[in-house]
């Protein structure tokens, strides 16, 4: 905003310098004997009218104090020609000539520069209000994204800590690895996810840490079959975008899962990322009150609409036994300098 205001100030300065130069050159070219004082007086009159009205509009435009506005506008109108009369060598020699100069300036230069000042004030207000609106919309979007991103199920953390406590108590060999996975997961959530985008490989490591910690609940072979195809370092993705889908897959699956029952596929082809997840549906009576998508899907939909408008496709397929979500995002391959620039939310 300050930069835009500085540009406007510099534009004003440039225009007035150019205007002064043109008036002076024109009068001198015409052989006017008093071109310098006449130029000075005329430009000062224009400045007085223009900025007197300009700042009057700044104070009263859009407000209901019309009486004060018109009273001060009348003062500007009546005093507008005075600088021209003061600097003109013949402007104050006799009253009839002074009156002619006054009336001529009052009905020519004064109305013109009143209009120009109104036009400049309205234009600047329009530009500044547009920028303010965009900034407010951006802040609202960022606040919404921050809120949506922060909606990670807190029960997972408590359950994981309880599981790790049990492993430590039993002195199980898996305890140190579980602690490291939890530390990596929390570091990513608290620090690294502040970036606008992260390498897809880092997001996949986060999901793998999450899967590894969830696996503590199951004694059999891994219940998640995660397959990745393509170069995950070649594209960046918004952080914590897939976690809700994975959470829902666990939440709405049966308590007992066969090895590889939850299937996650990630495929990178050209500039398109395809993420799909399929899980069996828990059809027990206690789960019939909630749809398989839970609150995670509305969260994902909102974030996708804010982050990738027109760049994504979200398909949901539900059968009696399976729930499948397929997400495609295009245009993820960025230039090298853009990939290395992480813009933090403020």
Protein backbone atom coordinates (compact mmCIF):
# COMPACT_ATOMS: atom_id res chain seq x y z
CA UNK A 1 0.00 0.00 0.00
CA UNK A 2 2.79 2.46 0.90
CA UNK A 3 4.52 1.60 -2.36
CA UNK A 4 1.38 2.48 -4.34
CA UNK A 5 1.05 5.79 -2.50
CA UNK A 6 4.68 6.58 -3.27
CA UNK A 7 4.05 5.88 -6.95
CA UNK A 8 1.10 8.27 -6.91
CA UNK A 9 3.20 11.01 -5.27
CA UNK A 10 5.97 10.59 -7.82
CA UNK A 11 3.40 10.67 -10.62
CA UNK A 12 2.01 13.95 -9.27
CA UNK A 13 5.49 15.45 -9.13
CA UNK A 14 6.36 14.34 -12.65
CA UNK A 15 3.08 15.63 -14.14
CA UNK A 16 3.40 19.04 -12.49
CA UNK A 17 7.01 19.45 -13.55
CA UNK A 18 6.06 18.55 -17.09
CA UNK A 19 3.06 20.89 -17.01
CA UNK A 20 5.19 23.79 -15.72
CA UNK A 21 7.78 23.16 -18.43
CA UNK A 22 5.14 23.09 -21.18
CA UNK A 23 3.48 26.33 -20.01
CA UNK A 24 6.83 28.12 -19.73
CA UNK A 25 8.03 26.93 -23.14
CA UNK A 26 4.71 27.87 -24.75
CA UNK A 27 4.74 31.42 -23.34
CA UNK A 28 8.38 31.96 -24.20
CA UNK A 29 7.89 30.63 -27.72
CA UNK A 30 5.03 33.10 -28.20
CA UNK A 31 7.41 35.91 -27.19
CA UNK A 32 5.61 36.83 -23.99
CA UNK A 33 7.62 39.53 -22.25
CA UNK A 34 6.77 38.29 -18.76
CA UNK A 35 6.72 34.56 -19.44
CA UNK A 36 8.51 33.56 -16.24
CA UNK A 37 6.32 35.38 -13.65
CA UNK A 38 3.17 34.57 -15.64
CA UNK A 39 4.15 30.90 -15.72
CA UNK A 40 4.86 30.98 -11.98
CA UNK A 41 1.55 32.64 -11.14
CA UNK A 42 -0.51 30.42 -13.42
CA UNK A 43 1.07 27.20 -12.13
CA UNK A 44 0.64 28.31 -8.51
CA UNK A 45 -3.03 29.06 -9.19
CA UNK A 46 -3.46 25.59 -10.70
CA UNK A 47 -1.65 23.99 -7.75
CA UNK A 48 -3.75 25.92 -5.24
CA UNK A 49 -7.04 24.91 -6.87
CA UNK A 50 -6.01 21.34 -7.60
CA UNK A 51 -4.61 20.39 -4.19
CA UNK A 52 -7.02 22.55 -2.22
CA UNK A 53 -9.88 20.59 -3.75
CA UNK A 54 -7.90 17.32 -3.74
CA UNK A 55 -7.41 17.32 0.02
CA UNK A 56 -10.91 18.68 0.53
CA UNK A 57 -12.19 15.57 -1.22
CA UNK A 58 -9.84 13.43 0.86
CA UNK A 59 -11.50 14.75 3.99
CA UNK A 60 -15.14 14.94 2.93
CA UNK A 61 -15.63 12.50 0.02
CA UNK A 62 -18.21 9.88 0.93
CA UNK A 63 -19.21 11.68 4.12
CA UNK A 64 -22.39 13.58 4.96
CA UNK A 65 -20.71 16.87 5.90
CA UNK A 66 -21.82 18.61 2.68
CA UNK A 67 -22.19 22.06 4.20
CA UNK A 68 -18.56 22.20 5.35
CA UNK A 69 -17.45 20.85 1.97
CA UNK A 70 -19.29 23.47 -0.08
CA UNK A 71 -18.19 26.33 2.19
CA UNK A 72 -14.52 25.40 1.81
CA UNK A 73 -15.02 24.75 -1.90
CA UNK A 74 -16.32 28.32 -2.26
CA UNK A 75 -13.16 29.62 -0.54
CA UNK A 76 -11.01 27.68 -3.01
CA UNK A 77 -13.02 29.03 -5.96
CA UNK A 78 -12.79 32.64 -4.84
CA UNK A 79 -9.09 32.54 -3.90
CA UNK A 80 -8.04 30.40 -6.86
CA UNK A 81 -7.08 33.26 -9.25
CA UNK A 82 -5.17 35.26 -6.62
CA UNK A 83 -1.69 33.69 -7.15
CA UNK A 84 -1.96 34.44 -10.87
CA UNK A 85 -2.88 38.09 -10.19
CA UNK A 86 -0.12 38.46 -7.63
CA UNK A 87 2.68 37.24 -9.90
CA UNK A 88 1.41 38.82 -13.13
CA UNK A 89 3.33 42.10 -13.60
CA UNK A 90 0.19 43.89 -14.81
CA UNK A 91 -2.28 41.99 -12.70
CA UNK A 92 -2.39 44.50 -9.86
CA UNK A 93 -1.70 47.76 -11.76
CA UNK A 94 -5.33 48.76 -12.09
CA UNK A 95 -8.61 47.37 -10.93
CA UNK A 96 -10.37 46.86 -14.32
CA UNK A 97 -7.45 44.80 -15.64
CA UNK A 98 -7.19 42.88 -12.40
CA UNK A 99 -10.90 42.18 -12.53
CA UNK A 100 -10.59 40.89 -16.12
CA UNK A 101 -7.72 38.60 -15.18
CA UNK A 102 -9.61 37.41 -12.11
CA UNK A 103 -12.79 36.59 -14.01
CA UNK A 104 -10.89 34.96 -16.88
CA UNK A 105 -8.96 32.69 -14.52
CA UNK A 106 -12.04 31.99 -12.41
CA UNK A 107 -14.03 30.67 -15.38
CA UNK A 108 -11.23 28.88 -17.26
CA UNK A 109 -8.41 27.41 -15.18
CA UNK A 110 -10.28 27.06 -11.89
CA UNK A 111 -13.14 24.78 -13.13
CA UNK A 112 -10.71 22.69 -15.18
CA UNK A 113 -8.40 21.96 -12.27
CA UNK A 114 -11.30 21.41 -9.91
CA UNK A 115 -12.45 18.65 -12.25
CA UNK A 116 -8.93 17.24 -12.63
CA UNK A 117 -8.49 17.14 -8.85
CA UNK A 118 -11.82 15.29 -8.50
CA UNK A 119 -10.75 12.83 -11.21
CA UNK A 120 -7.36 12.23 -9.56
CA UNK A 121 -8.91 11.75 -6.11
CA UNK A 122 -11.54 9.31 -7.38
CA UNK A 123 -8.93 7.36 -9.36
CA UNK A 124 -6.58 7.06 -6.39
CA UNK A 125 -9.43 6.02 -4.11
CA UNK A 126 -10.51 3.38 -6.60
CA UNK A 127 -7.02 1.94 -6.88
CA UNK A 128 -6.32 2.04 -3.14
CA UNK A 129 -9.71 0.54 -2.25
CA UNK A 130 -9.18 -2.23 -4.78
CA UNK A 131 -5.79 -3.04 -3.26
CA UNK A 132 -7.23 -2.95 0.27
CA UNK A 133 -10.03 -5.27 -0.80
CA UNK A 134 -7.55 -7.69 -2.36
CA UNK A 135 -5.41 -7.60 0.78
CA UNK A 136 -8.42 -8.27 3.00
CA UNK A 137 -9.54 -11.11 0.75
CA UNK A 138 -6.02 -12.54 0.82
CA UNK A 139 -5.90 -12.31 4.61
CA UNK A 140 -9.30 -13.98 4.83
CA UNK A 141 -8.16 -16.77 2.52
CA UNK A 142 -4.96 -17.26 4.49
CA UNK A 143 -6.89 -17.30 7.77
CA UNK A 144 -9.30 -19.84 6.33
CA UNK A 145 -6.43 -21.97 5.07
CA UNK A 146 -4.70 -21.77 8.43
CA UNK A 147 -7.89 -22.83 10.18
CA UNK A 148 -8.52 -25.69 7.78
CA UNK A 149 -4.92 -26.84 7.95
CA UNK A 150 -5.00 -26.83 11.74
CA UNK A 151 -7.98 -29.19 11.91
CA UNK A 152 -5.84 -32.28 12.42
CA UNK A 153 -7.50 -34.85 14.65
CA UNK A 154 -6.05 -34.30 18.16
CA UNK A 155 -7.17 -37.79 19.22
CA UNK A 156 -4.47 -39.23 16.99
CA UNK A 157 -1.76 -37.52 19.04
CA UNK A 158 -3.15 -38.74 22.36
CA UNK A 159 -3.63 -42.27 21.07
CA UNK A 160 -0.11 -42.31 19.66
CA UNK A 161 1.38 -41.11 22.94
CA UNK A 162 -0.53 -43.82 24.79
CA UNK A 163 0.73 -46.43 22.34
CA UNK A 164 4.30 -45.20 22.69
CA UNK A 165 3.94 -45.23 26.49
CA UNK A 166 2.88 -48.86 26.28
CA UNK A 167 5.85 -49.71 24.06
CA UNK A 168 8.27 -47.97 26.40
CA UNK A 169 6.73 -49.67 29.41
CA UNK A 170 7.16 -53.06 27.73
CA UNK A 171 10.63 -52.02 26.50
CA UNK A 172 9.57 -52.97 23.00
CA UNK A 173 12.21 -52.56 20.26
CA UNK A 174 9.74 -50.46 18.21
CA UNK A 175 9.56 -47.70 20.85
CA UNK A 176 12.57 -45.61 19.67
CA UNK A 177 11.40 -45.68 16.06
CA UNK A 178 7.90 -44.66 17.12
CA UNK A 179 9.30 -41.68 19.06
CA UNK A 180 11.36 -40.61 16.03
CA UNK A 181 8.33 -40.89 13.74
CA UNK A 182 6.23 -38.81 16.11
CA UNK A 183 8.98 -36.17 16.37
CA UNK A 184 9.25 -36.02 12.58
CA UNK A 185 5.48 -35.74 12.23
CA UNK A 186 5.18 -32.95 14.81
CA UNK A 187 8.14 -31.05 13.36
CA UNK A 188 6.51 -31.13 9.95
CA UNK A 189 3.12 -30.04 11.29
CA UNK A 190 4.45 -27.20 13.45
CA UNK A 191 7.31 -25.81 11.36
CA UNK A 192 7.61 -27.09 7.81
CA UNK A 193 3.90 -26.89 7.01
CA UNK A 194 4.02 -23.10 7.42
CA UNK A 195 5.38 -22.90 3.88
CA UNK A 196 2.89 -22.25 1.11
CA UNK A 197 4.13 -25.33 -0.72
CA UNK A 198 6.45 -28.23 0.13
CA UNK A 199 8.09 -30.90 -2.00
CA UNK A 200 5.71 -33.76 -2.61
CA UNK A 201 8.40 -36.12 -1.32
CA UNK A 202 8.26 -34.38 2.09
CA UNK A 203 4.47 -34.65 2.17
CA UNK A 204 4.78 -38.36 1.38
CA UNK A 205 7.30 -38.81 4.20
CA UNK A 206 4.79 -37.17 6.51
CA UNK A 207 2.07 -39.58 5.42
CA UNK A 208 4.42 -42.52 5.88
CA UNK A 209 5.24 -41.36 9.42
CA UNK A 210 1.52 -41.07 10.09
CA UNK A 211 0.90 -44.57 8.72
CA UNK A 212 3.78 -45.95 10.78
CA UNK A 213 2.35 -44.52 13.98
CA UNK A 214 -1.17 -45.70 13.20
CA UNK A 215 0.25 -49.15 12.61
CA UNK A 216 0.98 -49.36 16.34
CA UNK A 217 -2.73 -50.12 16.75
CA UNK A 218 -2.45 -53.25 14.62
CA UNK A 219 -0.48 -56.36 15.39
CA UNK A 220 -0.65 -57.88 11.93
CA UNK A 221 1.15 -56.82 8.74
CA UNK A 222 0.82 -53.20 7.55
CA UNK A 223 -2.81 -52.38 6.84
CA UNK A 224 -1.93 -49.56 4.42
CA UNK A 225 -0.62 -50.34 0.95
CA UNK A 226 1.09 -47.11 -0.15
CA UNK A 227 2.50 -46.97 -3.69
CA UNK A 228 4.19 -43.94 -5.27
CA UNK A 229 4.98 -43.61 -8.98
CA UNK A 230 6.91 -40.73 -10.49
CA UNK A 231 9.41 -38.14 -9.30
CA UNK A 232 8.06 -36.72 -6.05
CA UNK A 233 10.82 -34.10 -5.96
CA UNK A 234 9.71 -32.60 -9.28
CA UNK A 235 6.59 -30.89 -7.95
CA UNK A 236 5.43 -29.01 -4.89
CA UNK A 237 2.11 -29.34 -3.12
CA UNK A 238 0.23 -27.49 -0.39
CA UNK A 239 1.16 -29.10 2.95
CA UNK A 240 -1.26 -31.26 4.94
CA UNK A 241 -3.57 -31.64 1.96
CA UNK A 242 -3.97 -35.43 2.05
CA UNK A 243 -3.94 -36.09 5.77
CA UNK A 244 -7.70 -35.71 6.23
CA UNK A 245 -8.37 -38.28 3.54
CA UNK A 246 -6.02 -40.71 5.25
CA UNK A 247 -7.55 -39.99 8.65
CA UNK A 248 -11.01 -40.72 7.30
CA UNK A 249 -9.80 -43.96 5.77
CA UNK A 250 -8.71 -45.17 9.20
CA UNK A 251 -11.72 -43.73 10.99
CA UNK A 252 -14.38 -45.25 8.78
CA UNK A 253 -12.74 -48.61 8.20
CA UNK A 254 -13.59 -51.67 10.31
CA UNK A 255 -11.73 -52.04 13.61
CA UNK A 256 -9.97 -55.11 12.27
CA UNK A 257 -8.22 -54.61 8.96
CA UNK A 258 -6.58 -57.11 6.70
CA UNK A 259 -3.02 -56.39 5.49
CA UNK A 260 -3.14 -53.83 2.68
CA UNK A 261 -6.85 -53.13 3.20
CA UNK A 262 -6.34 -49.38 2.80
CA UNK A 263 -4.81 -48.66 -0.57
CA UNK A 264 -3.12 -45.33 -1.30
CA UNK A 265 -1.80 -44.54 -4.77
CA UNK A 266 0.23 -41.47 -5.73
CA UNK A 267 1.13 -40.93 -9.38
CA UNK A 268 3.01 -38.04 -10.96
CA UNK A 269 2.75 -37.76 -14.75
CA UNK A 270 3.96 -34.68 -16.61
CA UNK A 271 2.38 -31.81 -14.64
CA UNK A 272 -0.47 -33.75 -13.01
CA UNK A 273 -0.62 -35.35 -9.59
CA UNK A 274 -3.15 -38.10 -8.94
CA UNK A 275 -3.83 -39.14 -5.35
CA UNK A 276 -6.31 -41.92 -4.70
CA UNK A 277 -7.26 -43.71 -1.50
CA UNK A 278 -9.61 -46.64 -1.02
CA UNK A 279 -10.73 -48.15 2.25
CA UNK A 280 -13.31 -50.74 3.32
CA UNK A 281 -16.43 -49.27 4.88
CA UNK A 282 -17.35 -50.08 8.45
CA UNK A 283 -20.93 -51.33 8.16
CA UNK A 284 -21.41 -52.02 11.86
CA UNK A 285 -24.54 -50.44 13.43
CA UNK A 286 -22.47 -48.02 15.48
CA UNK A 287 -21.10 -46.35 12.37
CA UNK A 288 -24.24 -45.84 10.33
CA UNK A 289 -24.93 -42.36 11.64
CA UNK A 290 -21.95 -40.79 9.86
CA UNK A 291 -21.05 -40.78 6.21
CA UNK A 292 -17.69 -42.29 5.25
CA UNK A 293 -16.40 -38.89 4.21
CA UNK A 294 -16.84 -37.40 7.69
CA UNK A 295 -15.75 -33.78 8.16
CA UNK A 296 -12.50 -34.35 6.29
CA UNK A 297 -13.92 -34.09 2.79
CA UNK A 298 -15.56 -30.66 3.27
CA UNK A 299 -12.23 -29.50 4.69
CA UNK A 300 -10.34 -30.81 1.65
CA UNK A 301 -12.90 -29.32 -0.74
CA UNK A 302 -12.53 -25.86 0.83
CA UNK A 303 -8.75 -25.95 0.73
CA UNK A 304 -8.72 -27.14 -2.88
CA UNK A 305 -11.13 -24.38 -3.88
CA UNK A 306 -8.86 -21.79 -2.25
CA UNK A 307 -5.52 -23.23 -3.34
CA UNK A 308 -6.18 -24.78 -6.73
CA UNK A 309 -9.24 -23.16 -8.33
CA UNK A 310 -9.76 -24.65 -11.78
CA UNK A 311 -6.77 -26.94 -11.33
CA UNK A 312 -8.25 -29.91 -9.53
CA UNK A 313 -10.80 -32.69 -9.84
CA UNK A 314 -12.15 -34.51 -6.80
CA UNK A 315 -14.07 -37.72 -7.47
CA UNK A 316 -15.80 -39.77 -4.77
CA UNK A 317 -17.13 -43.27 -5.30
CA UNK A 318 -19.07 -45.15 -2.65
CA UNK A 319 -20.22 -48.75 -2.73
CA UNK A 320 -21.57 -51.03 -0.05
CA UNK A 321 -18.11 -52.24 0.91
CA UNK A 322 -15.64 -49.61 -0.37
CA UNK A 323 -15.12 -45.87 -0.22
CA UNK A 324 -12.81 -44.34 -2.84
CA UNK A 325 -11.54 -40.79 -3.24
CA UNK A 326 -9.52 -39.72 -6.27
CA UNK A 327 -7.91 -36.30 -6.44
CA UNK A 328 -6.17 -34.89 -9.53
CA UNK A 329 -4.24 -31.63 -9.43
CA UNK A 330 -2.63 -30.16 -12.54
CA UNK A 331 0.00 -27.47 -13.05
CA UNK A 332 2.22 -28.40 -10.11
CA UNK A 333 5.59 -28.28 -11.89
CA UNK A 334 7.07 -24.89 -11.12
CA UNK A 335 10.21 -23.10 -12.17
CA UNK A 336 13.30 -23.88 -10.14
CA UNK A 337 13.46 -20.46 -8.46
CA UNK A 338 9.79 -20.69 -7.55
CA UNK A 339 10.27 -24.11 -6.00
CA UNK A 340 13.00 -22.85 -3.73
CA UNK A 341 10.98 -19.85 -2.54
CA UNK A 342 8.78 -20.65 0.42
CA UNK A 343 6.35 -17.85 1.13
CA UNK A 344 5.22 -18.02 4.75
CA UNK A 345 1.75 -17.13 5.91
CA UNK A 346 1.72 -13.94 8.01
